[in-house]
Amino acid sequence: MTKRVLIILNIILVIALIAMAVKEKYPERLQDKYASFKSNEPLYLKNRNYKVQMDLYQRYQQKGRIVMLGNSITGGVDWNELLGRDDVINRGIDNDITAGFLARMAYTYNVEPDLCFIMGGVNDLHAGIPAETIAANLAQAVNELREHGIKPIISSILYVTSPYPDLKRFNRSVKHTNTLIQAMCVDLEVEFVDLNSVLAPDGVLLDAYSLDGIHLTGAGYAKWREVLLPIIDRELD
């Protein structure tokens, strides 16, 4: 192979690499990572979804008897449609963590609800946040809600399934965290709802209820509804 041919091949390779980098948005991703590394802001504020929703929350005015507080799993459904009500306010934000919940509790209080269902912690675990911190954050949320005359109800963190990476190890951390959350609920005398008993009875989210290994299908939300309706009927109706 001549030197000229090698030069041409190298040029083609460089062009291909540049094209791939542009297509996959590597420069923007590296910039985001660098900005995130330099920033001293809390982890939840590095979530663009959080900032978008917080901006909207400042403009929302609707009141409701129920608030659903959580992450994308909570945010992924129209709760009024699912539960057949018109008084449920969705406070689920994609990729949010429990520290983010605490920082936006004002947007639960201003709804003036009677009940607040909370599910959170899976994103914390994914980010390497300790189980003890998750349980402590949820305990703080419970205490703050009670101070505002709102009854908290805590739901378990859901197990994951394929194609979620390293699911066996991750589900062990989910189990451990749920154990701490449930113990906290006993100590604070707050209701703990074990959604895994119906959605993941064998310690793995059932395929019928899994959209991508972590988020729920319509069938999964229907099962969640079956769990919630008796609680809502008991507490409100």
Protein backbone atom coordinates (compact mmCIF):
# COMPACT_ATOMS: atom_id res chain seq x y z
CA MET A 1 0.00 0.00 0.00
CA THR A 2 1.50 3.34 -1.07
CA LYS A 3 1.99 6.29 1.20
CA ARG A 4 -0.56 8.27 -0.82
CA VAL A 5 -3.22 5.61 -0.32
CA LEU A 6 -2.53 5.57 3.44
CA ILE A 7 -2.95 9.33 3.61
CA ILE A 8 -6.28 9.15 1.74
CA LEU A 9 -7.53 6.36 4.05
CA ASN A 10 -6.55 8.36 7.12
CA ILE A 11 -8.39 11.40 5.79
CA ILE A 12 -11.51 9.29 5.16
CA LEU A 13 -11.25 7.85 8.69
CA VAL A 14 -10.99 11.31 10.25
CA ILE A 15 -14.00 12.54 8.27
CA ALA A 16 -15.99 9.48 9.36
CA LEU A 17 -15.09 10.05 13.01
CA ILE A 18 -16.05 13.70 12.82
CA ALA A 19 -19.37 12.80 11.20
CA MET A 20 -20.06 10.24 13.92
CA ALA A 21 -19.21 12.72 16.66
CA VAL A 22 -21.58 15.30 15.20
CA LYS A 23 -24.37 12.76 14.76
CA GLU A 24 -24.07 11.46 18.32
CA LYS A 25 -23.74 15.01 19.69
CA TYR A 26 -20.49 14.19 21.49
CA PRO A 27 -19.35 17.84 21.69
CA GLU A 28 -22.62 18.88 23.37
CA ARG A 29 -22.52 15.89 25.70
CA LEU A 30 -18.95 16.62 26.71
CA GLN A 31 -19.84 20.25 27.27
CA ASP A 32 -22.79 19.25 29.47
CA LYS A 33 -20.58 16.91 31.48
CA TYR A 34 -17.93 19.60 31.91
CA ALA A 35 -20.51 22.16 32.97
CA SER A 36 -22.02 19.67 35.39
CA PHE A 37 -18.60 18.91 36.87
CA LYS A 38 -17.82 22.60 37.37
CA SER A 39 -21.21 23.47 38.80
CA ASN A 40 -21.80 23.45 42.55
CA GLU A 41 -25.57 23.31 42.17
CA PRO A 42 -27.46 20.34 43.67
CA LEU A 43 -27.77 17.19 41.57
CA TYR A 44 -31.51 17.62 41.02
CA LEU A 45 -30.96 21.07 39.50
CA LYS A 46 -28.69 19.54 36.85
CA ASN A 47 -31.82 17.84 35.52
CA ARG A 48 -33.25 19.97 32.70
CA ASN A 49 -36.68 18.39 33.18
CA TYR A 50 -36.69 19.66 36.75
CA LYS A 51 -36.07 23.25 35.72
CA VAL A 52 -38.75 23.12 33.02
CA GLN A 53 -41.37 21.72 35.38
CA MET A 54 -40.51 24.09 38.21
CA ASP A 55 -41.04 27.00 35.83
CA LEU A 56 -44.48 25.58 34.99
CA TYR A 57 -45.39 24.88 38.62
CA GLN A 58 -45.06 28.58 39.35
CA ARG A 59 -47.89 29.19 36.88
CA TYR A 60 -50.22 26.31 37.75
CA GLN A 61 -53.20 27.26 39.90
CA GLN A 62 -55.37 24.15 40.06
CA LYS A 63 -56.22 22.68 43.47
CA GLY A 64 -56.85 19.00 44.16
CA ARG A 65 -57.49 16.51 46.93
CA ILE A 66 -54.66 14.20 45.85
CA VAL A 67 -51.07 14.85 44.81
CA MET A 68 -48.94 12.17 43.14
CA LEU A 69 -45.33 13.08 43.94
CA GLY A 70 -42.48 11.29 42.21
CA ASN A 71 -40.28 10.85 39.17
CA SER A 72 -40.98 9.79 35.58
CA ILE A 73 -42.83 6.65 36.67
CA THR A 74 -45.34 8.87 38.47
CA GLY A 75 -45.22 11.50 35.75
CA GLY A 76 -45.91 9.05 32.94
CA VAL A 77 -49.68 8.83 33.23
CA ASP A 78 -52.73 11.10 33.42
CA TRP A 79 -53.87 10.24 36.95
CA ASN A 80 -57.29 11.82 36.59
CA GLU A 81 -57.97 9.70 33.52
CA LEU A 82 -56.53 6.59 35.16
CA LEU A 83 -58.40 6.96 38.45
CA GLY A 84 -61.60 8.40 36.99
CA ARG A 85 -61.32 11.60 39.01
CA ASP A 86 -60.84 15.31 38.42
CA ASP A 87 -58.97 16.25 41.60
CA VAL A 88 -55.58 14.54 41.19
CA ILE A 89 -52.49 16.68 40.62
CA ASN A 90 -49.43 15.08 39.02
CA ARG A 91 -46.12 16.19 40.50
CA GLY A 92 -43.90 13.63 38.77
CA ILE A 93 -40.71 14.90 37.13
CA ASP A 94 -38.50 12.80 34.84
CA ASN A 95 -35.17 11.80 36.44
CA ASP A 96 -35.96 13.49 39.74
CA ILE A 97 -34.43 12.33 43.02
CA THR A 98 -35.76 12.50 46.58
CA ALA A 99 -33.72 15.62 47.37
CA GLY A 100 -35.52 17.22 44.43
CA PHE A 101 -38.85 16.27 45.99
CA LEU A 102 -37.92 18.11 49.17
CA ALA A 103 -36.86 21.21 47.25
CA ARG A 104 -40.26 21.49 45.55
CA MET A 105 -42.66 20.58 48.35
CA ALA A 106 -44.15 24.07 48.17
CA TYR A 107 -45.78 23.00 44.91
CA THR A 108 -47.54 20.22 46.76
CA TYR A 109 -48.65 22.43 49.65
CA ASN A 110 -50.16 25.05 47.33
CA VAL A 111 -52.46 22.42 45.85
CA GLU A 112 -54.03 22.06 49.33
CA PRO A 113 -54.52 18.30 49.03
CA ASP A 114 -55.76 15.83 51.62
CA LEU A 115 -53.47 13.02 50.44
CA CYS A 116 -50.00 12.86 48.92
CA PHE A 117 -48.78 9.58 47.45
CA ILE A 118 -44.99 9.48 47.15
CA MET A 119 -42.86 7.09 45.12
CA GLY A 120 -39.19 7.86 44.72
CA GLY A 121 -35.68 6.55 45.06
CA VAL A 122 -34.90 4.65 41.88
CA ASN A 123 -33.05 7.60 40.34
CA ASP A 124 -31.21 8.14 43.62
CA LEU A 125 -29.95 4.56 43.50
CA HIS A 126 -28.95 4.95 39.87
CA ALA A 127 -26.95 8.04 40.86
CA GLY A 128 -25.22 6.20 43.72
CA ILE A 129 -27.09 7.96 46.53
CA PRO A 130 -27.12 5.78 49.68
CA ALA A 131 -30.28 3.99 50.74
CA GLU A 132 -30.07 5.67 54.14
CA THR A 133 -30.21 9.09 52.50
CA ILE A 134 -33.25 8.10 50.46
CA ALA A 135 -35.12 6.89 53.54
CA ALA A 136 -34.15 10.03 55.46
CA ASN A 137 -35.36 12.29 52.63
CA LEU A 138 -38.70 10.49 52.49
CA ALA A 139 -39.01 10.75 56.28
CA GLN A 140 -38.48 14.51 56.02
CA ALA A 141 -41.16 14.70 53.31
CA VAL A 142 -43.55 12.78 55.57
CA ASN A 143 -42.97 15.15 58.48
CA GLU A 144 -43.32 18.26 56.34
CA LEU A 145 -46.55 17.05 54.75
CA ARG A 146 -48.05 16.35 58.16
CA GLU A 147 -47.08 19.82 59.33
CA HIS A 148 -49.23 21.14 56.46
CA GLY A 149 -52.18 18.91 57.33
CA ILE A 150 -51.59 16.54 54.40
CA LYS A 151 -51.64 12.76 54.87
CA PRO A 152 -48.60 11.09 53.27
CA ILE A 153 -48.66 7.58 51.84
CA ILE A 154 -45.35 6.05 50.72
CA SER A 155 -45.06 3.58 47.86
CA SER A 156 -42.23 1.11 47.40
CA ILE A 157 -39.49 1.63 44.84
CA LEU A 158 -40.26 -0.67 41.93
CA TYR A 159 -37.90 -3.44 40.94
CA VAL A 160 -36.50 -3.30 37.41
CA THR A 161 -36.19 -5.94 34.71
CA SER A 162 -34.38 -6.53 31.41
CA PRO A 163 -33.01 -4.56 29.55
CA TYR A 164 -32.08 -2.49 32.64
CA PRO A 165 -28.32 -2.99 33.09
CA ASP A 166 -27.00 -5.15 35.94
CA LEU A 167 -30.55 -5.71 37.12
CA LYS A 168 -29.74 -8.38 39.75
CA ARG A 169 -27.37 -6.09 41.61
CA PHE A 170 -29.69 -3.12 41.18
CA ASN A 171 -32.71 -5.04 42.46
CA ARG A 172 -30.74 -6.04 45.54
CA SER A 173 -30.21 -2.35 46.25
CA VAL A 174 -33.92 -1.70 45.64
CA LYS A 175 -34.84 -4.43 48.12
CA HIS A 176 -32.46 -3.05 50.75
CA THR A 177 -33.76 0.49 50.29
CA ASN A 178 -37.39 -0.60 50.48
CA THR A 179 -36.60 -2.39 53.75
CA LEU A 180 -35.27 0.88 55.19
CA ILE A 181 -38.22 2.87 53.82
CA GLN A 182 -40.71 0.41 55.26
CA ALA A 183 -38.99 0.53 58.66
CA MET A 184 -39.14 4.32 58.53
CA CYS A 185 -42.86 4.13 57.78
CA VAL A 186 -43.39 1.88 60.81
CA ASP A 187 -41.46 4.32 63.03
CA LEU A 188 -43.44 7.31 61.77
CA GLU A 189 -46.74 5.42 61.59
CA VAL A 190 -47.25 6.21 57.93
CA GLU A 191 -48.82 3.82 55.42
CA PHE A 192 -46.41 1.91 53.17
CA VAL A 193 -47.80 0.55 49.90
CA ASP A 194 -45.86 -2.41 48.52
CA LEU A 195 -46.43 -2.07 44.78
CA ASN A 196 -43.89 -4.81 44.09
CA SER A 197 -46.28 -7.38 45.54
CA VAL A 198 -48.46 -6.92 42.44
CA LEU A 199 -46.03 -5.58 39.83
CA ALA A 200 -42.92 -7.57 40.69
CA PRO A 201 -43.96 -10.51 42.91
CA ASP A 202 -40.76 -12.46 42.21
CA GLY A 203 -38.39 -9.55 42.80
CA VAL A 204 -38.29 -8.55 39.13
CA LEU A 205 -40.72 -6.23 37.34
CA LEU A 206 -42.98 -8.46 35.24
CA ASP A 207 -42.52 -8.14 31.48
CA ALA A 208 -46.22 -7.42 30.98
CA TYR A 209 -45.84 -4.31 33.13
CA SER A 210 -42.45 -3.20 31.81
CA LEU A 211 -42.04 -0.77 28.95
CA ASP A 212 -38.24 -0.57 28.92
CA GLY A 213 -37.12 -2.37 32.06
CA ILE A 214 -38.08 0.42 34.47
CA HIS A 215 -41.07 2.41 33.19
CA LEU A 216 -44.59 1.02 33.19
CA THR A 217 -46.93 -0.10 30.44
CA GLY A 218 -50.63 0.64 30.49
CA ALA A 219 -51.19 -2.74 32.13
CA GLY A 220 -48.72 -1.77 34.85
CA TYR A 221 -50.55 1.46 35.57
CA ALA A 222 -53.84 -0.43 35.63
CA LYS A 223 -52.43 -2.66 38.38
CA TRP A 224 -51.23 0.39 40.27
CA ARG A 225 -54.78 1.79 39.99
CA GLU A 226 -56.16 -1.41 41.56
CA VAL A 227 -53.93 -0.80 44.57
CA LEU A 228 -54.75 2.90 44.90
CA LEU A 229 -58.53 2.91 44.52
CA PRO A 230 -59.36 1.14 47.81
CA ILE A 231 -56.98 3.46 49.67
CA ILE A 232 -58.53 6.56 48.10
CA ASP A 233 -62.06 5.29 48.78
CA ARG A 234 -61.13 4.65 52.42
CA GLU A 235 -59.46 8.03 52.92
CA LEU A 236 -61.60 10.41 50.90
CA ASP A 237 -64.96 9.00 49.87
